Protein backbone atom coordinates (compact mmCIF):
# COMPACT_ATOMS: atom_id res chain seq x y z
CA MET A 1 10.59 -63.24 113.51
CA LYS A 2 11.29 -59.71 114.52
CA GLU A 3 14.96 -60.16 113.71
CA LYS A 4 14.07 -61.31 110.22
CA GLU A 5 11.91 -58.26 109.57
CA LEU A 6 14.60 -55.93 110.91
CA GLU A 7 17.20 -57.49 108.66
CA ASP A 8 15.01 -57.12 105.62
CA LEU A 9 14.40 -53.49 106.47
CA GLU A 10 18.15 -52.81 106.72
CA ASN A 11 18.73 -54.53 103.39
CA GLU A 12 16.15 -52.33 101.75
CA GLU A 13 17.68 -49.12 103.18
CA GLY A 14 21.14 -50.15 102.11
CA GLU A 15 20.21 -50.67 98.48
CA ASP A 16 20.71 -47.82 96.02
CA LEU A 17 17.48 -46.03 95.40
CA LYS A 18 16.83 -45.76 91.68
CA ILE A 19 14.81 -42.64 90.89
CA PRO A 20 13.56 -42.40 87.31
CA VAL A 21 14.72 -39.09 85.75
CA ASN A 22 13.87 -37.89 82.23
CA ASP A 23 17.24 -36.34 81.49
CA LYS A 24 16.99 -34.28 78.35
CA ARG A 25 20.55 -33.04 78.42
CA ARG A 26 22.77 -33.86 75.45
CA PHE A 27 25.69 -34.88 77.54
CA ASP A 28 26.65 -38.42 78.62
CA GLU A 29 27.79 -39.49 82.07
CA SER A 30 31.44 -38.61 81.32
CA GLY A 31 30.50 -35.02 80.30
CA GLU A 32 30.88 -35.50 76.51
CA ARG A 33 28.29 -33.99 74.16
CA LYS A 34 25.93 -36.60 72.76
CA ALA A 35 25.43 -36.86 68.99
CA ALA A 36 21.92 -35.93 67.91
CA ASP A 37 19.91 -38.85 66.72
CA ALA A 38 18.30 -38.98 63.27
CA THR A 39 14.99 -37.67 64.52
CA GLU A 40 16.54 -34.61 66.12
CA ALA A 41 18.76 -33.97 63.08
CA ASN A 42 15.82 -34.01 60.73
CA SER A 43 13.85 -31.67 62.98
CA VAL A 44 16.47 -28.92 62.73
CA GLU A 45 15.82 -26.54 59.84
CA ARG A 46 18.80 -26.14 57.60
CA GLU A 47 19.51 -23.01 55.52
CA PRO A 48 19.26 -23.68 51.76
CA GLN A 49 22.62 -24.07 50.06
CA ILE A 50 23.25 -21.98 46.82
CA SER A 51 25.22 -23.70 44.12
CA PRO A 52 28.05 -21.96 42.18
CA ALA A 53 25.98 -22.19 38.98
CA GLU A 54 23.12 -20.32 40.67
CA ILE A 55 25.54 -17.67 41.95
CA GLU A 56 27.00 -17.19 38.45
CA LEU A 57 23.52 -17.00 36.92
CA ALA A 58 22.43 -14.39 39.48
CA ALA A 59 25.55 -12.32 38.74
CA ARG A 60 24.94 -12.52 34.98
CA LEU A 61 21.30 -11.54 35.48
CA LYS A 62 22.31 -8.54 37.59
CA ALA A 63 24.88 -7.43 35.01
CA GLU A 64 22.36 -7.81 32.18
CA THR A 65 19.78 -5.81 34.14
CA GLU A 66 22.31 -3.03 34.73
CA ARG A 67 23.24 -2.97 31.02
CA ARG A 68 19.57 -2.81 30.03
CA GLU A 69 18.87 0.03 32.45
CA ALA A 70 21.95 1.90 31.18
CA ALA A 71 20.83 1.38 27.55
CA GLU A 72 17.32 2.62 28.36
CA SER A 73 18.74 5.68 30.11
CA LYS A 74 21.01 6.38 27.13
CA LEU A 75 18.09 5.96 24.73
CA VAL A 76 16.04 8.46 26.70
CA GLY A 77 18.92 10.93 26.53
CA VAL A 78 19.36 10.40 22.78
CA GLN A 79 15.63 10.85 22.21
CA ALA A 80 15.66 14.09 24.20
CA LYS A 81 18.64 15.38 22.19
CA PHE A 82 16.89 14.40 18.94
CA GLU A 83 13.72 16.25 19.91
CA GLN A 84 15.77 19.31 20.88
CA ALA A 85 17.72 19.21 17.60
CA LYS A 86 14.48 18.80 15.66
CA ALA A 87 12.92 21.78 17.43
CA ASP A 88 16.04 23.88 16.80
CA LEU A 89 16.07 22.90 13.12
CA GLU A 90 12.39 23.74 12.71
CA ARG A 91 12.93 27.09 14.41
CA GLU A 92 15.97 27.88 12.27
CA THR A 93 14.13 26.81 9.11
CA SER A 94 11.17 28.98 10.01
CA GLU A 95 13.42 31.95 10.73
CA MET A 96 15.34 31.40 7.49
CA ARG A 97 12.08 31.16 5.53
CA ALA A 98 10.86 34.38 7.13
CA ARG A 99 14.15 36.15 6.31
CA LEU A 100 14.04 34.87 2.73
CA MET A 101 10.45 36.01 2.25
CA LYS A 102 11.31 39.42 3.69
CA THR A 103 14.33 39.67 1.37
CA LEU A 104 12.23 38.78 -1.67
CA GLU A 105 9.53 41.23 -0.65
CA ASP A 106 12.13 43.95 -0.13
CA ARG A 107 13.64 43.24 -3.54
CA ALA A 108 10.24 43.26 -5.22
CA SER A 109 9.35 46.48 -3.45
CA GLN A 110 12.67 48.03 -4.44
CA GLY A 111 12.17 46.89 -8.04
CA LYS A 112 8.76 48.53 -8.15
CA PHE A 113 10.19 51.65 -6.56
CA ASN A 114 12.98 51.86 -9.15
CA PHE A 115 10.54 51.28 -12.03
CA LEU A 116 8.24 54.02 -10.78
CA GLN A 117 11.19 56.37 -10.58
CA THR A 118 11.95 55.68 -14.26
CA LEU A 119 8.33 56.43 -15.18
CA LEU A 120 8.32 59.86 -13.59
CA PRO A 121 10.34 61.48 -16.45
CA VAL A 122 7.87 59.94 -18.92
CA LEU A 123 5.03 61.62 -17.08
CA ASP A 124 6.97 64.88 -17.02
CA ASN A 125 7.48 64.75 -20.80
CA LEU A 126 3.84 63.93 -21.36
CA ASN A 127 2.78 66.94 -19.27
CA LEU A 128 5.19 69.14 -21.21
CA ALA A 129 3.70 67.92 -24.50
CA VAL A 130 0.19 68.72 -23.27
CA SER A 131 1.26 72.20 -22.13
CA ALA A 132 2.98 72.87 -25.46
CA SER A 133 -0.10 71.79 -27.40
CA GLU A 134 -2.21 74.25 -25.40
CA SER A 135 0.04 77.19 -26.32
CA ASP A 136 0.86 75.98 -29.85
CA ALA A 137 -1.83 73.93 -31.53
CA SER A 138 0.29 72.97 -34.55
CA VAL A 139 0.30 69.30 -35.38
CA GLU A 140 4.06 69.23 -35.86
CA ASN A 141 4.80 70.41 -32.35
CA LEU A 142 2.28 67.96 -30.92
CA ARG A 143 3.88 65.15 -32.90
CA ASP A 144 7.34 66.03 -31.63
CA GLY A 145 6.05 66.05 -28.05
CA VAL A 146 4.44 62.63 -28.41
CA ARG A 147 7.64 61.27 -29.93
CA GLY A 148 9.62 62.55 -26.97
CA VAL A 149 7.23 60.86 -24.56
CA ALA A 150 7.54 57.58 -26.47
CA ARG A 151 11.34 57.73 -26.38
CA SER A 152 11.28 58.43 -22.65
CA PHE A 153 9.01 55.49 -22.03
CA GLU A 154 11.20 53.14 -24.08
CA GLN A 155 14.24 54.26 -22.11
CA ALA A 156 12.36 53.56 -18.89
CA LEU A 157 11.60 50.04 -20.11
CA VAL A 158 15.20 49.44 -21.11
CA SER A 159 16.38 50.56 -17.66
CA VAL A 160 14.43 47.72 -16.02
CA GLY A 161 15.61 45.08 -18.52
CA VAL A 162 12.90 45.27 -21.21
CA GLU A 163 14.25 45.15 -24.75
CA PRO A 164 12.44 45.52 -28.09
CA VAL A 165 12.33 42.52 -30.44
CA ALA A 166 14.24 43.02 -33.70
CA SER A 167 11.94 42.64 -36.67
CA VAL A 168 12.16 44.66 -39.91
CA GLY A 169 14.88 43.37 -42.22
CA GLY A 170 15.50 40.19 -40.25
CA ASP A 171 14.32 36.64 -40.83
CA PHE A 172 10.85 35.76 -39.67
CA ASP A 173 11.01 33.81 -36.39
CA PRO A 174 7.72 32.33 -35.17
CA GLU A 175 9.15 32.28 -31.63
CA ILE A 176 9.26 36.09 -31.45
CA HIS A 177 7.18 37.23 -34.47
CA GLU A 178 3.51 37.03 -35.27
CA ALA A 179 2.76 37.19 -39.02
CA VAL A 180 -0.19 39.45 -39.74
CA ASP A 181 -0.01 39.32 -43.51
CA MET A 182 2.34 38.48 -46.37
CA ILE A 183 3.54 40.43 -49.40
CA PRO A 184 5.11 39.23 -52.66
CA VAL A 185 8.81 39.91 -52.79
CA GLU A 186 11.87 38.92 -54.79
CA SER A 187 13.49 35.60 -54.06
CA GLY A 188 16.24 37.28 -51.99
CA GLN A 189 13.63 38.74 -49.58
CA ASP A 190 11.69 35.53 -49.13
CA GLY A 191 10.94 34.93 -45.42
CA LYS A 192 12.11 38.38 -44.39
CA VAL A 193 10.12 40.76 -42.19
CA THR A 194 9.14 43.65 -44.43
CA ALA A 195 7.09 45.76 -42.00
CA GLU A 196 6.25 46.01 -38.30
CA TYR A 197 2.73 46.79 -37.14
CA GLN A 198 3.35 46.47 -33.42
CA LYS A 199 6.61 46.20 -31.53
CA GLY A 200 7.43 43.12 -29.54
CA TYR A 201 9.32 43.11 -26.25
CA ARG A 202 11.25 40.63 -24.17
CA PHE A 203 12.30 40.66 -20.53
CA GLY A 204 15.52 38.74 -20.18
CA ASP A 205 14.89 35.31 -21.68
CA ARG A 206 11.11 35.67 -21.51
CA LEU A 207 8.99 37.07 -24.33
CA LEU A 208 6.62 39.72 -23.08
CA ARG A 209 4.80 39.78 -26.42
CA PRO A 210 5.69 38.95 -30.03
CA ALA A 211 6.13 41.59 -32.67
CA ARG A 212 3.23 41.78 -35.14
CA VAL A 213 4.85 41.91 -38.58
CA GLN A 214 4.46 41.59 -42.34
CA VAL A 215 6.39 38.81 -44.03
CA GLY A 216 7.70 38.73 -47.61
CA LYS A 217 7.07 35.70 -49.76
CA ALA A 218 8.65 35.10 -53.14
CA SER A 219 6.19 34.36 -55.91
């Protein structure tokens, strides 16, 4: 009996002891790497793959964005140049207008100055006529003095471009004559100006006033 128990004990010690081990290594008994099973493969996170079409679309979008930004930058520059040119034009126009107004004012002032200079001799002649009438009260001398003043004044008007309107002996022209009355005349004098009551004057192409005249009319 004891021999049987001893034999069984030896048999048990001689057997390979199998110890359960949870081996998580990915290598087999020969040292080769094990292939991951489906569960492990699915558990690994994969990086997303970008297709060539997506790459091309992204490149086109980037290029379009760059073109748009360049166009906007160019537009801002053009707008700034336009505003600067507008401001310069307004300043130049204002300065030109101011220079033109000053030139016109200077010309008007010079014209008045020149006209006043032409009137001074008229005043001198008038003063001489008054002085002569005080020393010589004759009507003839007074008349000659007044005539001299009138001639001086007409010359002053002519010097600034004022001309008398022709009347006596010429045809009646309603554009430059004003008929005061009419007188019977021969057929050859019909429509002619026979007398002048008041002289008319023109300044260049403009009529300052018409001449007041008498017109002949054939009976």
